[in-house]
Amino acid sequence: MISRRALLALDFDVPHRPADGAWLRVHRTAMACRVEVTLEQRDGDWICAATEALDEADRVESLLTIFRDSSELSRVNREASTGCENVDAEVFAILQRCALLTADTDGAFDITSTPLSRCWGFLRRDGRVPPDEAIREAQACVGMSLVALDGERRSVTFAVDGMELNLNAIGKGYALDRMAGALDARGVRRALVSAGGSSVRAIGGSPGGWPIDVRSPLLDAAIARLRLRDGALGTSGAGEQFVVEDGTRYGHVIDPRSGWPATGVISASVVTREAAMADALSTAFLIGGTALAERYCGEHPDTLALLVTDPSEPVRVYGGYAGARLEHPP
């Protein structure tokens, strides 16, 4: 059994130690990953605040997971075919935000793609290449245009049976944003909150920002090293789950527009103000590729994107973020 109690550890795995010699890490397992608050050793008085912030990760998971029948999102998925009303206000606001993100990313980010993930076997980690007919049937249940959101009644209605919402591509980042808000309310001015190896939210950062190596499971060396202040980093890649058939490797990130795994980008990392946005956009750019990343970053100031399309080629850098300084690549 995994303990839910917060733990305290030392020596955070970042490129440089702080001036006083050590990091303090308070962590817990939530959202199927290690969720952590990192403090400088001089900030030991904030450990209790860090522990309380971890409770936010548990609370967000209880709202948004699709793996508990008791969650609000599971209730929406059960009832929305006939209209699910009085949806929790927080959950409804996230769904509205996701609908806007789908439009802004030309459909690359889409929280309705669960039927496709289930069809490919990635939802339960038993990946397979399905027949074309099964993909077409799953794709008929995918698309934010098939989801009606009524703000007055806070209702969600699916246009077709078989639809499912999944906030996996934004939920961890959203939890980190809520944790950061809890830490700020307690007066914490320097902290790094993270979920697994894919999402980070920096509060403050001295001197010069928190040192972070950006990595991909498919690459041996770090993609980049950056210093981050008051911002967030999200990274998506197709290395976590995949299936190989006839010599072709199919990653677990599905393009909802085609029904097939995304290709062309090995790793996509995004730096912006909020972790929820960084998470969502990294998934969108992994699917939509360099054209989407270039267009979006050009239209949205304070968004930095790092894309790897080929291990032998330089990292592609788009846009910028005022709180991020790239040390490598320069």
Protein backbone atom coordinates (compact mmCIF):
# COMPACT_ATOMS: atom_id res chain seq x y z
CA MET A 1 0.00 0.00 0.00
CA ILE A 2 1.28 3.50 -0.84
CA SER A 3 1.22 5.87 2.09
CA ARG A 4 -0.74 9.09 1.60
CA ARG A 5 1.29 10.79 4.32
CA ALA A 6 3.55 13.63 3.17
CA LEU A 7 7.24 12.76 3.23
CA LEU A 8 10.30 14.96 3.63
CA ALA A 9 13.44 14.29 1.60
CA LEU A 10 16.68 16.04 0.61
CA ASP A 11 18.70 16.78 -2.54
CA PHE A 12 16.30 17.66 -5.35
CA ASP A 13 17.59 16.49 -8.73
CA VAL A 14 18.28 19.83 -10.39
CA PRO A 15 21.54 20.97 -12.02
CA HIS A 16 22.69 23.20 -9.16
CA ARG A 17 22.30 23.21 -5.40
CA PRO A 18 21.17 26.39 -3.64
CA ALA A 19 23.72 28.50 -1.83
CA ASP A 20 22.90 26.94 1.56
CA GLY A 21 23.57 23.42 0.29
CA ALA A 22 20.31 21.46 0.01
CA TRP A 23 16.73 21.33 -1.16
CA LEU A 24 13.81 20.30 1.05
CA ARG A 25 11.21 18.15 -0.69
CA VAL A 26 7.73 17.44 0.65
CA HIS A 27 5.91 14.89 -1.50
CA ARG A 28 2.98 12.50 -1.81
CA THR A 29 1.53 10.13 -4.39
CA ALA A 30 -1.51 11.62 -6.12
CA MET A 31 -2.90 11.55 -9.67
CA ALA A 32 -0.87 8.36 -10.27
CA CYS A 33 2.42 10.20 -9.85
CA ARG A 34 4.70 11.84 -7.31
CA VAL A 35 3.45 15.33 -6.46
CA GLU A 36 6.06 17.46 -4.75
CA VAL A 37 6.81 20.83 -3.19
CA THR A 38 10.48 21.81 -3.22
CA LEU A 39 11.81 24.46 -0.86
CA GLU A 40 15.23 25.90 -0.19
CA GLN A 41 16.76 24.72 3.07
CA ARG A 42 16.47 28.20 4.59
CA ASP A 43 12.68 27.99 4.09
CA GLY A 44 12.07 25.07 6.44
CA ASP A 45 9.39 27.05 8.27
CA TRP A 46 7.15 26.56 5.22
CA ILE A 47 7.08 22.75 5.41
CA CYS A 48 3.64 22.71 7.06
CA ALA A 49 2.31 24.99 4.32
CA ALA A 50 3.78 22.64 1.72
CA THR A 51 2.06 19.66 3.33
CA GLU A 52 -1.28 21.48 3.29
CA ALA A 53 -0.76 22.40 -0.37
CA LEU A 54 -0.47 18.70 -1.21
CA ASP A 55 -4.03 18.30 0.04
CA GLU A 56 -5.09 20.38 -2.98
CA ALA A 57 -3.68 17.69 -5.30
CA ASP A 58 -5.84 15.09 -3.54
CA ARG A 59 -8.89 17.34 -3.75
CA VAL A 60 -8.43 18.05 -7.46
CA GLU A 61 -7.92 14.36 -8.17
CA SER A 62 -11.17 13.52 -6.35
CA LEU A 63 -13.00 15.96 -8.65
CA LEU A 64 -11.38 15.20 -12.00
CA THR A 65 -10.31 11.56 -12.13
CA ILE A 66 -12.19 9.17 -14.41
CA PHE A 67 -10.95 6.19 -12.39
CA ARG A 68 -13.28 6.81 -9.43
CA ASP A 69 -17.02 6.49 -9.83
CA SER A 70 -17.45 9.07 -7.07
CA SER A 71 -15.69 11.91 -8.94
CA GLU A 72 -17.64 14.78 -10.44
CA LEU A 73 -16.17 14.12 -13.86
CA SER A 74 -17.29 10.49 -13.73
CA ARG A 75 -20.81 11.71 -12.89
CA VAL A 76 -20.72 13.99 -15.92
CA ASN A 77 -19.62 11.12 -18.15
CA ARG A 78 -22.45 8.92 -16.81
CA GLU A 79 -25.23 11.47 -17.12
CA ALA A 80 -24.31 13.86 -19.95
CA SER A 81 -25.86 11.77 -22.71
CA THR A 82 -29.23 12.89 -21.35
CA GLY A 83 -27.99 16.15 -19.82
CA CYS A 84 -26.03 16.51 -16.59
CA GLU A 85 -27.12 19.61 -14.66
CA ASN A 86 -25.74 21.48 -11.66
CA VAL A 87 -22.19 20.44 -12.47
CA ASP A 88 -19.71 21.52 -9.82
CA ALA A 89 -18.79 25.16 -10.58
CA GLU A 90 -15.05 24.47 -10.54
CA VAL A 91 -15.35 21.52 -12.90
CA PHE A 92 -17.68 23.43 -15.22
CA ALA A 93 -15.19 26.33 -15.43
CA ILE A 94 -12.43 23.89 -16.42
CA LEU A 95 -14.64 22.41 -19.14
CA GLN A 96 -15.36 25.87 -20.52
CA ARG A 97 -11.65 26.60 -20.54
CA CYS A 98 -10.96 23.37 -22.38
CA ALA A 99 -13.52 24.25 -25.04
CA LEU A 100 -11.71 27.54 -25.69
CA LEU A 101 -8.36 25.74 -25.86
CA THR A 102 -9.74 23.32 -28.43
CA ALA A 103 -10.75 26.24 -30.64
CA ASP A 104 -7.42 28.03 -30.12
CA THR A 105 -5.40 24.93 -31.08
CA ASP A 106 -7.37 23.97 -34.19
CA GLY A 107 -8.77 20.90 -32.43
CA ALA A 108 -5.38 19.45 -31.43
CA PHE A 109 -6.28 19.72 -27.74
CA ASP A 110 -9.50 17.83 -27.16
CA ILE A 111 -10.69 16.34 -23.87
CA THR A 112 -13.24 14.11 -25.67
CA SER A 113 -10.60 11.77 -27.15
CA THR A 114 -11.01 9.03 -24.50
CA PRO A 115 -12.94 6.68 -26.86
CA LEU A 116 -9.89 6.71 -29.14
CA SER A 117 -7.47 6.03 -26.29
CA ARG A 118 -9.71 3.18 -25.19
CA CYS A 119 -9.89 1.85 -28.76
CA TRP A 120 -6.08 1.81 -29.02
CA GLY A 121 -5.81 0.13 -25.60
CA PHE A 122 -3.77 2.94 -24.05
CA LEU A 123 -6.31 3.80 -21.36
CA ARG A 124 -5.64 0.49 -19.58
CA ARG A 125 -2.03 0.11 -20.76
CA ASP A 126 -2.71 -2.75 -23.15
CA GLY A 127 -1.82 -1.00 -26.40
CA ARG A 128 -2.77 -2.47 -29.77
CA VAL A 129 -3.37 -1.30 -33.33
CA PRO A 130 -7.15 -1.48 -33.85
CA PRO A 131 -8.86 -2.11 -37.21
CA ASP A 132 -9.85 0.94 -39.23
CA GLU A 133 -13.55 0.34 -38.59
CA ALA A 134 -13.03 0.44 -34.81
CA ILE A 135 -11.15 3.74 -35.15
CA ARG A 136 -13.97 5.24 -37.21
CA GLU A 137 -16.56 4.13 -34.66
CA ALA A 138 -14.55 5.65 -31.80
CA GLN A 139 -13.94 8.87 -33.70
CA ALA A 140 -17.70 9.32 -34.17
CA CYS A 141 -17.84 9.91 -30.39
CA VAL A 142 -15.02 12.49 -30.37
CA GLY A 143 -15.14 16.27 -30.73
CA MET A 144 -15.85 19.25 -28.48
CA SER A 145 -18.44 20.36 -31.05
CA LEU A 146 -20.52 17.44 -29.73
CA VAL A 147 -20.48 18.82 -26.16
CA ALA A 148 -23.01 21.48 -25.17
CA LEU A 149 -22.08 23.62 -22.15
CA ASP A 150 -24.94 25.67 -20.69
CA GLY A 151 -23.51 28.27 -18.32
CA GLU A 152 -26.89 29.34 -16.94
CA ARG A 153 -27.80 25.86 -15.73
CA ARG A 154 -24.20 24.63 -15.45
CA SER A 155 -25.18 21.66 -17.57
CA VAL A 156 -23.18 19.40 -19.86
CA THR A 157 -24.90 17.48 -22.67
CA PHE A 158 -23.36 15.02 -25.12
CA ALA A 159 -24.78 14.95 -28.63
CA VAL A 160 -24.06 11.24 -29.08
CA ASP A 161 -23.84 8.21 -26.82
CA GLY A 162 -20.43 6.78 -26.00
CA MET A 163 -18.67 10.09 -25.34
CA GLU A 164 -16.25 10.48 -22.42
CA LEU A 165 -14.36 13.47 -21.08
CA ASN A 166 -10.84 13.07 -19.73
CA LEU A 167 -8.84 15.94 -18.20
CA ASN A 168 -5.55 14.06 -18.04
CA ALA A 169 -3.83 16.54 -20.38
CA ILE A 170 -4.64 19.51 -18.15
CA GLY A 171 -5.49 18.10 -14.72
CA LYS A 172 -1.98 17.80 -13.26
CA GLY A 173 -1.15 21.34 -14.25
CA TYR A 174 -4.43 22.59 -12.84
CA ALA A 175 -3.66 20.87 -9.53
CA LEU A 176 -0.25 22.56 -9.42
CA ASP A 177 -1.87 25.95 -9.99
CA ARG A 178 -4.21 25.32 -7.08
CA MET A 179 -1.28 24.19 -4.93
CA ALA A 180 0.61 27.36 -5.85
CA GLY A 181 -2.41 29.41 -4.81
CA ALA A 182 -2.54 27.62 -1.46
CA LEU A 183 1.16 28.27 -0.87
CA ASP A 184 0.79 31.93 -1.78
CA ALA A 185 -2.11 32.27 0.66
CA ARG A 186 0.19 30.96 3.41
CA GLY A 187 2.86 33.53 2.55
CA VAL A 188 5.26 31.20 0.72
CA ARG A 189 7.33 33.25 -1.70
CA ARG A 190 9.82 30.65 -3.00
CA ALA A 191 8.80 27.12 -4.00
CA LEU A 192 8.75 24.68 -6.89
CA VAL A 193 5.72 22.41 -7.22
CA SER A 194 5.79 19.46 -9.60
CA ALA A 195 3.75 16.46 -10.72
CA GLY A 196 5.65 13.49 -12.09
CA GLY A 197 8.30 14.44 -14.60
CA SER A 198 6.02 16.42 -16.88
CA SER A 199 4.64 19.46 -15.04
CA VAL A 200 6.27 22.16 -12.91
CA ARG A 201 5.06 25.45 -11.41
CA ALA A 202 7.64 27.91 -10.02
CA ILE A 203 6.87 30.42 -7.30
CA GLY A 204 9.57 33.07 -7.17
CA GLY A 205 13.04 31.68 -7.71
CA SER A 206 16.31 33.15 -6.52
CA PRO A 207 18.96 33.80 -7.56
CA GLY A 208 17.99 34.06 -11.20
CA GLY A 209 15.20 31.49 -11.15
CA TRP A 210 14.79 27.79 -10.41
CA PRO A 211 17.25 25.63 -12.42
CA ILE A 212 15.35 23.01 -14.41
CA ASP A 213 16.46 20.42 -16.95
CA VAL A 214 13.83 19.71 -19.62
CA ARG A 215 13.89 16.01 -20.50
CA SER A 216 12.13 13.48 -22.72
CA PRO A 217 11.99 9.71 -22.09
CA LEU A 218 12.99 9.14 -25.71
CA LEU A 219 16.20 11.19 -25.51
CA ASP A 220 19.33 10.49 -23.50
CA ALA A 221 20.40 14.09 -22.94
CA ALA A 222 18.38 17.00 -21.59
CA ILE A 223 16.47 18.92 -24.26
CA ALA A 224 17.23 22.22 -22.59
CA ARG A 225 18.26 23.81 -19.34
CA LEU A 226 16.37 26.87 -18.18
CA ARG A 227 15.96 29.19 -15.24
CA LEU A 228 12.32 29.71 -14.35
CA ARG A 229 10.68 32.37 -12.19
CA ASP A 230 6.96 32.75 -11.54
CA GLY A 231 5.88 30.49 -14.36
CA ALA A 232 5.16 26.92 -15.36
CA LEU A 233 6.63 24.22 -17.58
CA GLY A 234 4.71 21.36 -19.19
CA THR A 235 6.25 18.59 -21.31
CA SER A 236 4.53 15.97 -23.46
CA GLY A 237 6.04 13.08 -25.39
CA ALA A 238 5.10 9.74 -26.85
CA GLY A 239 7.64 7.74 -24.88
CA GLU A 240 5.56 6.65 -21.89
CA GLN A 241 3.30 4.20 -23.72
CA PHE A 242 3.51 2.80 -27.22
CA VAL A 243 2.84 -0.24 -29.37
CA VAL A 244 4.98 -1.57 -32.24
CA GLU A 245 3.46 -3.35 -35.22
CA ASP A 246 5.24 -4.28 -38.47
CA GLY A 247 8.20 -2.19 -37.41
CA THR A 248 6.17 0.99 -36.84
CA ARG A 249 6.05 2.57 -33.39
CA TYR A 250 2.71 4.10 -32.35
CA GLY A 251 2.77 6.41 -29.33
CA HIS A 252 -0.07 6.84 -26.83
CA VAL A 253 -0.93 10.45 -27.69
CA ILE A 254 -3.80 10.30 -30.16
CA ASP A 255 -4.60 13.04 -32.67
CA PRO A 256 -8.36 13.44 -32.18
CA ARG A 257 -8.72 14.80 -35.70
CA SER A 258 -7.38 11.68 -37.43
CA GLY A 259 -7.92 8.98 -34.81
CA TRP A 260 -4.29 7.90 -35.10
CA PRO A 261 -1.28 8.51 -32.81
CA ALA A 262 0.43 11.85 -33.34
CA THR A 263 3.62 11.83 -35.44
CA GLY A 264 6.32 14.32 -36.36
CA VAL A 265 7.19 15.63 -32.89
CA ILE A 266 9.17 13.60 -30.34
CA SER A 267 8.79 16.02 -27.45
CA ALA A 268 6.95 19.31 -26.87
CA SER A 269 7.59 21.57 -23.89
CA VAL A 270 5.78 24.81 -23.09
CA VAL A 271 6.58 27.56 -20.61
CA THR A 272 3.86 30.03 -19.68
CA ARG A 273 2.27 31.59 -16.61
CA GLU A 274 -0.05 28.76 -15.50
CA ALA A 275 0.72 25.05 -15.27
CA ALA A 276 -2.71 24.10 -16.64
CA MET A 277 -2.02 26.03 -19.84
CA ALA A 278 1.53 24.70 -20.12
CA ASP A 279 0.27 21.12 -19.81
CA ALA A 280 -2.56 21.55 -22.30
CA LEU A 281 -0.43 23.37 -24.86
CA SER A 282 2.41 20.86 -24.69
CA THR A 283 -0.09 18.14 -25.66
CA ALA A 284 -1.56 20.34 -28.39
CA PHE A 285 1.87 21.10 -29.88
CA LEU A 286 2.91 17.44 -29.74
CA ILE A 287 -0.15 16.72 -31.88
CA GLY A 288 -0.33 19.89 -33.99
CA GLY A 289 3.39 20.17 -34.64
CA THR A 290 5.66 23.07 -35.42
CA ALA A 291 3.12 25.02 -37.50
CA LEU A 292 0.67 25.18 -34.59
CA ALA A 293 3.41 26.03 -32.06
CA GLU A 294 4.75 28.85 -34.24
CA ARG A 295 1.30 30.26 -34.90
CA TYR A 296 0.07 30.05 -31.32
CA CYS A 297 3.24 31.53 -29.77
CA GLY A 298 3.13 34.36 -32.29
CA GLU A 299 -0.43 35.20 -31.29
CA HIS A 300 -0.01 34.71 -27.51
CA PRO A 301 2.83 36.68 -25.90
CA ASP A 302 4.61 35.11 -22.92
CA THR A 303 4.39 31.59 -24.34
CA LEU A 304 7.63 29.71 -24.99
CA ALA A 305 7.67 26.40 -26.86
CA LEU A 306 10.52 23.91 -27.29
CA LEU A 307 9.92 21.16 -29.85
CA VAL A 308 12.12 18.23 -30.81
CA THR A 309 11.28 16.76 -34.21
CA ASP A 310 14.51 14.81 -34.76
CA PRO A 311 17.17 13.84 -32.17
CA SER A 312 19.91 14.82 -34.63
CA GLU A 313 18.55 18.33 -35.17
CA PRO A 314 18.60 21.41 -32.91
CA VAL A 315 15.65 22.08 -30.61
CA ARG A 316 13.07 24.29 -32.27
CA VAL A 317 12.28 27.34 -30.14
CA TYR A 318 9.17 29.48 -30.58
CA GLY A 319 8.02 32.57 -28.70
CA GLY A 320 9.33 33.50 -25.27
CA TYR A 321 8.43 33.91 -21.62
CA ALA A 322 9.60 36.83 -19.48
CA GLY A 323 10.25 34.60 -16.46
CA ALA A 324 12.30 31.99 -18.34
CA ARG A 325 15.97 32.18 -19.38
CA LEU A 326 17.35 29.43 -21.58
CA GLU A 327 20.89 28.41 -20.66
CA HIS A 328 20.99 25.57 -23.17
CA PRO A 329 20.21 25.84 -26.00
CA PRO A 330 21.13 29.56 -25.87
